[in-house]
């Protein structure tokens, strides 16, 4: 994706309710006007499973609103880890 699209996608991810951090993100054009997004995100650890599912849905909606070409979205909730020394 273009840098402008990446910036919009990142802003939508981090601006989504309950997202604490973007751990890792990859995009790929899979068609002229279609972007695939895979992202590993840290969500608020106090969320229940059902709340997390709704938060992921809200994150996907925010990304699609920011960059409509982002049609396929795969989000993996995770926690940030510090690298072993």
Protein backbone atom coordinates (compact mmCIF):
# COMPACT_ATOMS: atom_id res chain seq x y z
CA UNK A 1 0.00 0.00 0.00
CA UNK A 2 1.08 3.58 -0.48
CA UNK A 3 2.62 5.45 2.43
CA UNK A 4 -0.51 7.62 2.62
CA UNK A 5 -2.72 4.51 2.89
CA UNK A 6 -0.37 2.96 5.46
CA UNK A 7 -0.55 6.12 7.56
CA UNK A 8 -4.36 6.13 7.40
CA UNK A 9 -4.57 2.42 8.25
CA UNK A 10 -2.17 2.80 11.18
CA UNK A 11 -4.13 5.81 12.49
CA UNK A 12 -7.40 3.86 12.21
CA UNK A 13 -5.89 0.89 14.06
CA UNK A 14 -4.40 2.88 16.93
CA UNK A 15 -7.47 5.13 17.12
CA UNK A 16 -9.85 2.22 17.50
CA UNK A 17 -11.52 1.70 20.86
CA UNK A 18 -9.62 -0.65 23.15
CA UNK A 19 -6.49 -0.86 20.94
CA UNK A 20 -3.43 -0.23 23.09
CA UNK A 21 -0.78 -0.76 20.41
CA UNK A 22 -0.03 -1.92 16.90
CA UNK A 23 2.52 -4.70 17.35
CA UNK A 24 2.94 -5.66 13.71
CA UNK A 25 1.19 -4.82 10.46
CA UNK A 26 1.55 -5.97 6.83
CA UNK A 27 -0.37 -4.97 3.74
CA UNK A 28 -0.47 -6.39 0.24
CA UNK A 29 -2.26 -5.28 -2.91
CA UNK A 30 -4.25 -8.26 -4.13
CA UNK A 31 -5.91 -6.34 -6.94
CA UNK A 32 -5.82 -2.88 -8.48
CA UNK A 33 -8.21 -1.50 -5.86
CA UNK A 34 -8.00 -4.16 -3.14
CA UNK A 35 -5.66 -4.28 -0.15
CA UNK A 36 -5.14 -7.17 2.25
CA UNK A 37 -4.26 -6.20 5.82
CA UNK A 38 -2.84 -8.50 8.47
CA UNK A 39 -2.23 -6.92 11.86
CA UNK A 40 -1.21 -8.06 15.31
CA UNK A 41 -2.74 -5.68 17.84
CA UNK A 42 -2.62 -5.32 21.58
CA UNK A 43 -6.11 -4.76 22.97
CA UNK A 44 -7.13 -3.76 26.49
CA UNK A 45 -6.45 -6.88 28.58
CA UNK A 46 -9.57 -6.30 30.67
CA UNK A 47 -11.89 -7.08 27.75
CA UNK A 48 -14.04 -10.18 27.89
CA UNK A 49 -13.98 -12.47 24.86
CA UNK A 50 -17.24 -11.00 23.60
CA UNK A 51 -16.02 -7.44 24.11
CA UNK A 52 -12.80 -8.29 22.27
CA UNK A 53 -14.79 -9.66 19.32
CA UNK A 54 -16.79 -6.42 19.16
CA UNK A 55 -13.60 -4.36 19.47
CA UNK A 56 -12.06 -6.25 16.53
CA UNK A 57 -15.22 -5.62 14.47
CA UNK A 58 -14.98 -1.90 15.31
CA UNK A 59 -11.31 -1.87 14.32
CA UNK A 60 -12.08 -3.47 10.96
CA UNK A 61 -14.86 -0.94 10.33
CA UNK A 62 -12.52 1.97 11.18
CA UNK A 63 -9.88 0.71 8.77
CA UNK A 64 -12.41 0.23 5.96
CA UNK A 65 -13.74 3.74 6.55
CA UNK A 66 -10.22 5.21 6.42
CA UNK A 67 -9.09 3.20 3.36
CA UNK A 68 -12.05 1.59 1.56
CA UNK A 69 -9.73 -0.52 -0.63
CA UNK A 70 -8.77 -2.47 2.51
CA UNK A 71 -11.31 -5.22 1.98
CA UNK A 72 -9.65 -8.28 3.47
CA UNK A 73 -8.58 -7.77 7.08
CA UNK A 74 -7.09 -10.32 9.45
CA UNK A 75 -6.51 -9.17 13.01
CA UNK A 76 -4.68 -11.17 15.65
CA UNK A 77 -5.01 -9.93 19.23
CA UNK A 78 -1.79 -10.37 21.19
CA UNK A 79 0.36 -8.80 23.90
CA UNK A 80 3.59 -6.93 23.45
CA UNK A 81 6.61 -8.85 24.58
CA UNK A 82 10.03 -7.50 25.40
CA UNK A 83 12.84 -9.18 23.48
CA UNK A 84 15.01 -11.56 25.50
CA UNK A 85 18.39 -10.08 26.31
